[in-house]
């Protein structure tokens, strides 16, 4: 978790794809740190997860994620989906 946060401060990012289940922690913990860090709080953070039951998308958005992508990822629509998130947030 600390390594991910350190890397986010090393250079600017347009978007963060954050898996919910990561080694040594969980994505939601990383998200809380991102939102609590002034220089990172503006980042567009997308939850990437295999948790795709009814209501999961809404639950993650309520936690503070800007978007939600379920696994398995559809490679045909993934690029346009991420581009739409970036365009929506006005980031390049």
PDB file of N, CA and C in Angstrom:
ATOM      1  N   UNK A   1       0.826  -1.185   0.000  1.00  0.00           N
ATOM      2  CA  UNK A   1       0.000   0.000   0.000  1.00  0.00           C
ATOM      3  C   UNK A   1       0.872   1.252   0.000  1.00  0.00           C
ATOM      4  N   UNK A   2       1.859   1.289   0.870  1.00  0.00           N
ATOM      5  CA  UNK A   2       2.753   2.449   0.943  1.00  0.00           C
ATOM      6  C   UNK A   2       3.488   2.660  -0.374  1.00  0.00           C
ATOM      7  N   UNK A   3       3.897   1.572  -1.022  1.00  0.00           N
ATOM      8  CA  UNK A   3       4.596   1.665  -2.302  1.00  0.00           C
ATOM      9  C   UNK A   3       3.688   2.274  -3.370  1.00  0.00           C
ATOM     10  N   UNK A   4       2.436   1.872  -3.398  1.00  0.00           N
ATOM     11  CA  UNK A   4       1.490   2.424  -4.379  1.00  0.00           C
ATOM     12  C   UNK A   4       1.312   3.922  -4.165  1.00  0.00           C
ATOM     13  N   UNK A   5       1.163   4.334  -2.940  1.00  0.00           N
ATOM     14  CA  UNK A   5       0.986   5.751  -2.645  1.00  0.00           C
ATOM     15  C   UNK A   5       2.231   6.554  -2.997  1.00  0.00           C
ATOM     16  N   UNK A   6       3.388   6.003  -2.701  1.00  0.00           N
ATOM     17  CA  UNK A   6       4.639   6.681  -3.051  1.00  0.00           C
ATOM     18  C   UNK A   6       4.732   6.867  -4.554  1.00  0.00           C
ATOM     19  N   UNK A   7       4.416   5.837  -5.300  1.00  0.00           N
ATOM     20  CA  UNK A   7       4.499   5.917  -6.763  1.00  0.00           C
ATOM     21  C   UNK A   7       3.538   6.953  -7.322  1.00  0.00           C
ATOM     22  N   UNK A   8       2.373   7.090  -6.708  1.00  0.00           N
ATOM     23  CA  UNK A   8       1.396   8.068  -7.198  1.00  0.00           C
ATOM     24  C   UNK A   8       1.884   9.502  -7.047  1.00  0.00           C
ATOM     25  N   UNK A   9       2.791   9.741  -6.101  1.00  0.00           N
ATOM     26  CA  UNK A   9       3.308  11.095  -5.904  1.00  0.00           C
ATOM     27  C   UNK A   9       4.534  11.386  -6.756  1.00  0.00           C
ATOM     28  N   UNK A  10       5.089  10.363  -7.404  1.00  0.00           N
ATOM     29  CA  UNK A  10       6.321  10.540  -8.170  1.00  0.00           C
ATOM     30  C   UNK A  10       6.110  11.210  -9.519  1.00  0.00           C
ATOM     31  N   UNK A  11       4.920  11.069 -10.104  1.00  0.00           N
ATOM     32  CA  UNK A  11       4.636  11.708 -11.381  1.00  0.00           C
ATOM     33  C   UNK A  11       3.131  11.830 -11.542  1.00  0.00           C
ATOM     34  N   UNK A  12       2.677  12.711 -12.428  1.00  0.00           N
ATOM     35  CA  UNK A  12       1.232  12.896 -12.573  1.00  0.00           C
ATOM     36  C   UNK A  12       0.571  11.730 -13.323  1.00  0.00           C
ATOM     37  N   UNK A  13      -0.624  11.403 -12.907  1.00  0.00           N
ATOM     38  CA  UNK A  13      -1.411  10.355 -13.546  1.00  0.00           C
ATOM     39  C   UNK A  13      -2.776  10.923 -13.926  1.00  0.00           C
ATOM     40  N   UNK A  14      -3.307  10.464 -15.043  1.00  0.00           N
ATOM     41  CA  UNK A  14      -4.636  10.885 -15.469  1.00  0.00           C
ATOM     42  C   UNK A  14      -5.710  10.055 -14.782  1.00  0.00           C
ATOM     43  N   UNK A  15      -5.378   8.816 -14.462  1.00  0.00           N
ATOM     44  CA  UNK A  15      -6.363   7.898 -13.906  1.00  0.00           C
ATOM     45  C   UNK A  15      -5.643   6.802 -13.130  1.00  0.00           C
ATOM     46  N   UNK A  16      -6.316   6.272 -12.120  1.00  0.00           N
ATOM     47  CA  UNK A  16      -5.762   5.162 -11.344  1.00  0.00           C
ATOM     48  C   UNK A  16      -6.748   4.004 -11.447  1.00  0.00           C
ATOM     49  N   UNK A  17      -6.261   2.876 -11.947  1.00  0.00           N
ATOM     50  CA  UNK A  17      -7.049   1.649 -11.978  1.00  0.00           C
ATOM     51  C   UNK A  17      -6.660   0.869 -10.745  1.00  0.00           C
ATOM     52  N   UNK A  18      -7.566   0.731  -9.812  1.00  0.00           N
ATOM     53  CA  UNK A  18      -7.239   0.186  -8.507  1.00  0.00           C
ATOM     54  C   UNK A  18      -8.001  -1.108  -8.261  1.00  0.00           C
ATOM     55  N   UNK A  19      -7.267  -2.200  -8.238  1.00  0.00           N
ATOM     56  CA  UNK A  19      -7.879  -3.490  -7.949  1.00  0.00           C
ATOM     57  C   UNK A  19      -8.310  -3.504  -6.488  1.00  0.00           C
ATOM     58  N   UNK A  20      -9.432  -4.099  -6.228  1.00  0.00           N
ATOM     59  CA  UNK A  20      -9.938  -4.153  -4.860  1.00  0.00           C
ATOM     60  C   UNK A  20      -9.101  -5.090  -4.000  1.00  0.00           C
ATOM     61  N   UNK A  21      -8.637  -6.172  -4.566  1.00  0.00           N
ATOM     62  CA  UNK A  21      -7.816  -7.124  -3.820  1.00  0.00           C
ATOM     63  C   UNK A  21      -6.384  -7.044  -4.325  1.00  0.00           C
ATOM     64  N   UNK A  22      -5.511  -6.479  -3.482  1.00  0.00           N
ATOM     65  CA  UNK A  22      -4.109  -6.322  -3.847  1.00  0.00           C
ATOM     66  C   UNK A  22      -3.238  -6.996  -2.794  1.00  0.00           C
ATOM     67  N   UNK A  23      -2.034  -7.420  -3.175  1.00  0.00           N
ATOM     68  CA  UNK A  23      -1.140  -8.055  -2.203  1.00  0.00           C
ATOM     69  C   UNK A  23      -0.822  -7.104  -1.041  1.00  0.00           C
ATOM     70  N   UNK A  24      -0.931  -7.591   0.149  1.00  0.00           N
ATOM     71  CA  UNK A  24      -0.575  -6.798   1.319  1.00  0.00           C
ATOM     72  C   UNK A  24      -1.606  -5.780   1.736  1.00  0.00           C
ATOM     73  N   UNK A  25      -2.795  -5.850   1.217  1.00  0.00           N
ATOM     74  CA  UNK A  25      -3.816  -4.877   1.600  1.00  0.00           C
ATOM     75  C   UNK A  25      -5.039  -4.995   0.718  1.00  0.00           C
ATOM     76  N   UNK A  26      -5.761  -3.887   0.650  1.00  0.00           N
ATOM     77  CA  UNK A  26      -6.914  -3.877  -0.241  1.00  0.00           C
ATOM     78  C   UNK A  26      -7.029  -2.502  -0.885  1.00  0.00           C
ATOM     79  N   UNK A  27      -7.661  -2.470  -2.033  1.00  0.00           N
ATOM     80  CA  UNK A  27      -7.773  -1.237  -2.791  1.00  0.00           C
ATOM     81  C   UNK A  27      -8.518  -0.142  -2.055  1.00  0.00           C
ATOM     82  N   UNK A  28      -9.477  -0.515  -1.248  1.00  0.00           N
ATOM     83  CA  UNK A  28     -10.246   0.487  -0.524  1.00  0.00           C
ATOM     84  C   UNK A  28      -9.375   1.244   0.477  1.00  0.00           C
ATOM     85  N   UNK A  29      -8.412   0.574   1.080  1.00  0.00           N
ATOM     86  CA  UNK A  29      -7.462   1.248   1.973  1.00  0.00           C
ATOM     87  C   UNK A  29      -6.630   2.252   1.184  1.00  0.00           C
ATOM     88  N   UNK A  30      -6.171   1.846   0.007  1.00  0.00           N
ATOM     89  CA  UNK A  30      -5.410   2.756  -0.854  1.00  0.00           C
ATOM     90  C   UNK A  30      -6.279   3.948  -1.232  1.00  0.00           C
ATOM     91  N   UNK A  31      -7.530   3.702  -1.594  1.00  0.00           N
ATOM     92  CA  UNK A  31      -8.441   4.793  -1.960  1.00  0.00           C
ATOM     93  C   UNK A  31      -8.594   5.785  -0.809  1.00  0.00           C
ATOM     94  N   UNK A  32      -8.779   5.291   0.399  1.00  0.00           N
ATOM     95  CA  UNK A  32      -8.919   6.193   1.558  1.00  0.00           C
ATOM     96  C   UNK A  32      -7.684   7.081   1.708  1.00  0.00           C
ATOM     97  N   UNK A  33      -6.504   6.519   1.507  1.00  0.00           N
ATOM     98  CA  UNK A  33      -5.266   7.312   1.593  1.00  0.00           C
ATOM     99  C   UNK A  33      -5.196   8.327   0.451  1.00  0.00           C
ATOM    100  N   UNK A  34      -5.596   7.923  -0.740  1.00  0.00           N
ATOM    101  CA  UNK A  34      -5.597   8.855  -1.876  1.00  0.00           C
ATOM    102  C   UNK A  34      -6.514  10.036  -1.584  1.00  0.00           C
ATOM    103  N   UNK A  35      -7.719   9.758  -1.136  1.00  0.00           N
ATOM    104  CA  UNK A  35      -8.699  10.819  -0.873  1.00  0.00           C
ATOM    105  C   UNK A  35      -8.267  11.709   0.294  1.00  0.00           C
ATOM    106  N   UNK A  36      -7.476  11.181   1.222  1.00  0.00           N
ATOM    107  CA  UNK A  36      -7.028  11.950   2.383  1.00  0.00           C
ATOM    108  C   UNK A  36      -5.747  12.733   2.121  1.00  0.00           C
ATOM    109  N   UNK A  37      -5.106  12.506   0.968  1.00  0.00           N
ATOM    110  CA  UNK A  37      -3.850  13.174   0.634  1.00  0.00           C
ATOM    111  C   UNK A  37      -4.140  14.307  -0.344  1.00  0.00           C
ATOM    112  N   UNK A  38      -3.982  15.556   0.085  1.00  0.00           N
ATOM    113  CA  UNK A  38      -4.373  16.683  -0.762  1.00  0.00           C
ATOM    114  C   UNK A  38      -3.811  16.644  -2.188  1.00  0.00           C
ATOM    115  N   UNK A  39      -2.548  16.275  -2.345  1.00  0.00           N
ATOM    116  CA  UNK A  39      -1.959  16.284  -3.689  1.00  0.00           C
ATOM    117  C   UNK A  39      -2.441  15.108  -4.548  1.00  0.00           C
ATOM    118  N   UNK A  40      -3.155  14.154  -3.967  1.00  0.00           N
ATOM    119  CA  UNK A  40      -3.679  13.006  -4.723  1.00  0.00           C
ATOM    120  C   UNK A  40      -5.201  12.977  -4.787  1.00  0.00           C
ATOM    121  N   UNK A  41      -5.855  13.727  -3.939  1.00  0.00           N
ATOM    122  CA  UNK A  41      -7.308  13.608  -3.783  1.00  0.00           C
ATOM    123  C   UNK A  41      -8.097  13.877  -5.051  1.00  0.00           C
ATOM    124  N   UNK A  42      -7.511  14.600  -6.009  1.00  0.00           N
ATOM    125  CA  UNK A  42      -8.199  14.916  -7.263  1.00  0.00           C
ATOM    126  C   UNK A  42      -8.201  13.755  -8.259  1.00  0.00           C
ATOM    127  N   UNK A  43      -7.394  12.731  -8.014  1.00  0.00           N
ATOM    128  CA  UNK A  43      -7.240  11.646  -8.983  1.00  0.00           C
ATOM    129  C   UNK A  43      -8.548  10.925  -9.268  1.00  0.00           C
ATOM    130  N   UNK A  44      -8.721  10.562 -10.526  1.00  0.00           N
ATOM    131  CA  UNK A  44      -9.851   9.738 -10.955  1.00  0.00           C
ATOM    132  C   UNK A  44      -9.465   8.291 -10.652  1.00  0.00           C
ATOM    133  N   UNK A  45     -10.179   7.660  -9.711  1.00  0.00           N
ATOM    134  CA  UNK A  45      -9.847   6.312  -9.271  1.00  0.00           C
ATOM    135  C   UNK A  45     -10.975   5.361  -9.669  1.00  0.00           C
ATOM    136  N   UNK A  46     -10.622   4.353 -10.441  1.00  0.00           N
ATOM    137  CA  UNK A  46     -11.580   3.376 -10.932  1.00  0.00           C
ATOM    138  C   UNK A  46     -11.364   2.054 -10.204  1.00  0.00           C
ATOM    139  N   UNK A  47     -12.425   1.526  -9.612  1.00  0.00           N
ATOM    140  CA  UNK A  47     -12.366   0.208  -8.972  1.00  0.00           C
ATOM    141  C   UNK A  47     -12.354  -0.861 -10.055  1.00  0.00           C
ATOM    142  N   UNK A  48     -11.421  -1.776  -9.954  1.00  0.00           N
ATOM    143  CA  UNK A  48     -11.350  -2.920 -10.866  1.00  0.00           C
ATOM    144  C   UNK A  48     -11.499  -4.155  -9.981  1.00  0.00           C
ATOM    145  N   UNK A  49     -12.531  -4.940 -10.248  1.00  0.00           N
ATOM    146  CA  UNK A  49     -12.819  -6.027  -9.321  1.00  0.00           C
ATOM    147  C   UNK A  49     -13.629  -7.154  -9.947  1.00  0.00           C
ATOM    148  N   UNK A  50     -13.494  -8.322  -9.361  1.00  0.00           N
ATOM    149  CA  UNK A  50     -14.328  -9.459  -9.745  1.00  0.00           C
ATOM    150  C   UNK A  50     -15.639  -9.442  -8.975  1.00  0.00           C
ATOM    151  N   UNK A  51     -15.774  -8.522  -8.039  1.00  0.00           N
ATOM    152  CA  UNK A  51     -17.020  -8.405  -7.285  1.00  0.00           C
ATOM    153  C   UNK A  51     -18.055  -7.726  -8.170  1.00  0.00           C
ATOM    154  N   UNK A  52     -18.910  -8.541  -8.765  1.00  0.00           N
ATOM    155  CA  UNK A  52     -19.842  -8.029  -9.764  1.00  0.00           C
ATOM    156  C   UNK A  52     -21.282  -8.462  -9.495  1.00  0.00           C
ATOM    157  N   UNK A  53     -21.618  -8.530  -8.239  1.00  0.00           N
ATOM    158  CA  UNK A  53     -22.987  -8.875  -7.874  1.00  0.00           C
ATOM    159  C   UNK A  53     -23.854  -7.618  -7.919  1.00  0.00           C
ATOM    160  N   UNK A  54     -25.151  -7.810  -7.930  1.00  0.00           N
ATOM    161  CA  UNK A  54     -26.078  -6.689  -7.903  1.00  0.00           C
ATOM    162  C   UNK A  54     -25.757  -5.791  -6.712  1.00  0.00           C
ATOM    163  N   UNK A  55     -25.593  -4.517  -6.979  1.00  0.00           N
ATOM    164  CA  UNK A  55     -25.305  -3.547  -5.929  1.00  0.00           C
ATOM    165  C   UNK A  55     -23.842  -3.276  -5.684  1.00  0.00           C
ATOM    166  N   UNK A  56     -22.950  -4.115  -6.214  1.00  0.00           N
ATOM    167  CA  UNK A  56     -21.513  -3.893  -5.978  1.00  0.00           C
ATOM    168  C   UNK A  56     -21.041  -2.584  -6.588  1.00  0.00           C
ATOM    169  N   UNK A  57     -21.462  -2.280  -7.800  1.00  0.00           N
ATOM    170  CA  UNK A  57     -21.048  -1.037  -8.457  1.00  0.00           C
ATOM    171  C   UNK A  57     -21.430   0.169  -7.583  1.00  0.00           C
ATOM    172  N   UNK A  58     -22.659   0.200  -7.150  1.00  0.00           N
ATOM    173  CA  UNK A  58     -23.144   1.310  -6.341  1.00  0.00           C
ATOM    174  C   UNK A  58     -22.385   1.407  -5.018  1.00  0.00           C
ATOM    175  N   UNK A  59     -22.070   0.258  -4.443  1.00  0.00           N
ATOM    176  CA  UNK A  59     -21.330   0.232  -3.176  1.00  0.00           C
ATOM    177  C   UNK A  59     -19.948   0.850  -3.345  1.00  0.00           C
ATOM    178  N   UNK A  60     -19.257   0.509  -4.434  1.00  0.00           N
ATOM    179  CA  UNK A  60     -17.920   1.060  -4.658  1.00  0.00           C
ATOM    180  C   UNK A  60     -17.976   2.548  -4.977  1.00  0.00           C
ATOM    181  N   UNK A  61     -18.950   2.966  -5.737  1.00  0.00           N
ATOM    182  CA  UNK A  61     -19.088   4.398  -6.020  1.00  0.00           C
ATOM    183  C   UNK A  61     -19.366   5.172  -4.730  1.00  0.00           C
ATOM    184  N   UNK A  62     -20.170   4.597  -3.842  1.00  0.00           N
ATOM    185  CA  UNK A  62     -20.460   5.250  -2.565  1.00  0.00           C
ATOM    186  C   UNK A  62     -19.215   5.350  -1.682  1.00  0.00           C
ATOM    187  N   UNK A  63     -18.262   4.452  -1.861  1.00  0.00           N
ATOM    188  CA  UNK A  63     -17.019   4.489  -1.095  1.00  0.00           C
ATOM    189  C   UNK A  63     -16.100   5.623  -1.556  1.00  0.00           C
ATOM    190  N   UNK A  64     -16.363   6.176  -2.735  1.00  0.00           N
ATOM    191  CA  UNK A  64     -15.531   7.266  -3.233  1.00  0.00           C
ATOM    192  C   UNK A  64     -14.797   6.982  -4.524  1.00  0.00           C
ATOM    193  N   UNK A  65     -14.986   5.797  -5.091  1.00  0.00           N
ATOM    194  CA  UNK A  65     -14.412   5.525  -6.407  1.00  0.00           C
ATOM    195  C   UNK A  65     -15.160   6.357  -7.441  1.00  0.00           C
ATOM    196  N   UNK A  66     -14.464   6.770  -8.489  1.00  0.00           N
ATOM    197  CA  UNK A  66     -15.092   7.542  -9.560  1.00  0.00           C
ATOM    198  C   UNK A  66     -15.778   6.653 -10.585  1.00  0.00           C
ATOM    199  N   UNK A  67     -15.370   5.403 -10.630  1.00  0.00           N
ATOM    200  CA  UNK A  67     -15.948   4.474 -11.590  1.00  0.00           C
ATOM    201  C   UNK A  67     -15.708   3.050 -11.167  1.00  0.00           C
ATOM    202  N   UNK A  68     -16.211   2.140 -11.976  1.00  0.00           N
ATOM    203  CA  UNK A  68     -16.207   0.722 -11.635  1.00  0.00           C
ATOM    204  C   UNK A  68     -16.074  -0.086 -12.922  1.00  0.00           C
ATOM    205  N   UNK A  69     -15.140  -1.028 -12.932  1.00  0.00           N
ATOM    206  CA  UNK A  69     -14.960  -1.955 -14.055  1.00  0.00           C
ATOM    207  C   UNK A  69     -14.897  -3.352 -13.454  1.00  0.00           C
ATOM    208  N   UNK A  70     -15.765  -4.231 -13.956  1.00  0.00           N
ATOM    209  CA  UNK A  70     -15.775  -5.593 -13.413  1.00  0.00           C
ATOM    210  C   UNK A  70     -14.887  -6.515 -14.235  1.00  0.00           C
ATOM    211  N   UNK A  71     -14.388  -7.535 -13.552  1.00  0.00           N
ATOM    212  CA  UNK A  71     -13.599  -8.579 -14.193  1.00  0.00           C
ATOM    213  C   UNK A  71     -14.520  -9.749 -14.509  1.00  0.00           C
ATOM    214  N   UNK A  72     -14.251 -10.546 -15.485  1.00  0.00           N
ATOM    215  CA  UNK A  72     -13.122 -10.369 -16.401  1.00  0.00           C
ATOM    216  C   UNK A  72     -13.337  -9.147 -17.280  1.00  0.00           C
ATOM    217  N   UNK A  73     -12.240  -8.490 -17.604  1.00  0.00           N
ATOM    218  CA  UNK A  73     -12.298  -7.269 -18.400  1.00  0.00           C
ATOM    219  C   UNK A  73     -12.550  -7.614 -19.865  1.00  0.00           C
ATOM    220  N   UNK A  74     -13.516  -6.922 -20.446  1.00  0.00           N
ATOM    221  CA  UNK A  74     -13.810  -7.059 -21.872  1.00  0.00           C
ATOM    222  C   UNK A  74     -12.807  -6.186 -22.628  1.00  0.00           C
ATOM    223  N   UNK A  75     -11.841  -6.814 -23.274  1.00  0.00           N
ATOM    224  CA  UNK A  75     -10.756  -6.063 -23.923  1.00  0.00           C
ATOM    225  C   UNK A  75     -11.250  -5.177 -25.069  1.00  0.00           C
ATOM    226  N   UNK A  76     -12.391  -5.489 -25.634  1.00  0.00           N
ATOM    227  CA  UNK A  76     -12.911  -4.651 -26.735  1.00  0.00           C
ATOM    228  C   UNK A  76     -13.468  -3.333 -26.223  1.00  0.00           C
ATOM    229  N   UNK A  77     -14.027  -3.334 -25.044  1.00  0.00           N
ATOM    230  CA  UNK A  77     -14.643  -2.112 -24.532  1.00  0.00           C
ATOM    231  C   UNK A  77     -13.807  -1.410 -23.458  1.00  0.00           C
ATOM    232  N   UNK A  78     -12.753  -2.046 -22.981  1.00  0.00           N
ATOM    233  CA  UNK A  78     -11.967  -1.490 -21.884  1.00  0.00           C
ATOM    234  C   UNK A  78     -11.357  -0.134 -22.239  1.00  0.00           C
ATOM    235  N   UNK A  79     -10.679  -0.045 -23.372  1.00  0.00           N
ATOM    236  CA  UNK A  79     -10.048   1.220 -23.786  1.00  0.00           C
ATOM    237  C   UNK A  79     -11.044   2.357 -23.869  1.00  0.00           C
ATOM    238  N   UNK A  80     -12.134   2.197 -24.630  1.00  0.00           N
ATOM    239  CA  UNK A  80     -13.129   3.265 -24.701  1.00  0.00           C
ATOM    240  C   UNK A  80     -13.758   3.608 -23.341  1.00  0.00           C
ATOM    241  N   UNK A  81     -13.929   2.617 -22.487  1.00  0.00           N
ATOM    242  CA  UNK A  81     -14.489   2.868 -21.161  1.00  0.00           C
ATOM    243  C   UNK A  81     -13.564   3.763 -20.350  1.00  0.00           C
ATOM    244  N   UNK A  82     -12.281   3.447 -20.353  1.00  0.00           N
ATOM    245  CA  UNK A  82     -11.311   4.247 -19.593  1.00  0.00           C
ATOM    246  C   UNK A  82     -11.180   5.642 -20.196  1.00  0.00           C
ATOM    247  N   UNK A  83     -11.154   5.737 -21.514  1.00  0.00           N
ATOM    248  CA  UNK A  83     -11.102   7.054 -22.160  1.00  0.00           C
ATOM    249  C   UNK A  83     -12.295   7.908 -21.758  1.00  0.00           C
ATOM    250  N   UNK A  84     -13.472   7.296 -21.639  1.00  0.00           N
ATOM    251  CA  UNK A  84     -14.669   8.035 -21.237  1.00  0.00           C
ATOM    252  C   UNK A  84     -14.523   8.563 -19.815  1.00  0.00           C
ATOM    253  N   UNK A  85     -13.945   7.796 -18.922  1.00  0.00           N
ATOM    254  CA  UNK A  85     -13.705   8.269 -17.562  1.00  0.00           C
ATOM    255  C   UNK A  85     -12.770   9.472 -17.571  1.00  0.00           C
ATOM    256  N   UNK A  86     -11.703   9.381 -18.348  1.00  0.00           N
ATOM    257  CA  UNK A  86     -10.743  10.482 -18.427  1.00  0.00           C
ATOM    258  C   UNK A  86     -11.413  11.720 -19.010  1.00  0.00           C
ATOM    259  N   UNK A  87     -12.152  11.552 -20.095  1.00  0.00           N
ATOM    260  CA  UNK A  87     -12.845  12.692 -20.717  1.00  0.00           C
ATOM    261  C   UNK A  87     -13.864  13.313 -19.781  1.00  0.00           C
ATOM    262  N   UNK A  88     -14.585  12.485 -19.051  1.00  0.00           N
ATOM    263  CA  UNK A  88     -15.611  12.956 -18.135  1.00  0.00           C
ATOM    264  C   UNK A  88     -15.020  13.812 -17.025  1.00  0.00           C
ATOM    265  N   UNK A  89     -13.837  13.449 -16.571  1.00  0.00           N
ATOM    266  CA  UNK A  89     -13.191  14.190 -15.489  1.00  0.00           C
ATOM    267  C   UNK A  89     -12.346  15.354 -16.003  1.00  0.00           C
ATOM    268  N   UNK A  90     -12.253  15.504 -17.319  1.00  0.00           N
ATOM    269  CA  UNK A  90     -11.485  16.602 -17.891  1.00  0.00           C
ATOM    270  C   UNK A  90      -9.995  16.442 -17.744  1.00  0.00           C
ATOM    271  N   UNK A  91      -9.527  15.201 -17.661  1.00  0.00           N
ATOM    272  CA  UNK A  91      -8.099  14.943 -17.498  1.00  0.00           C
ATOM    273  C   UNK A  91      -7.526  14.460 -18.827  1.00  0.00           C
ATOM    274  N   UNK A  92      -6.288  14.830 -19.071  1.00  0.00           N
ATOM    275  CA  UNK A  92      -5.603  14.359 -20.282  1.00  0.00           C
ATOM    276  C   UNK A  92      -4.275  13.774 -19.925  1.00  0.00           C
TER     277      UNK A  92
END
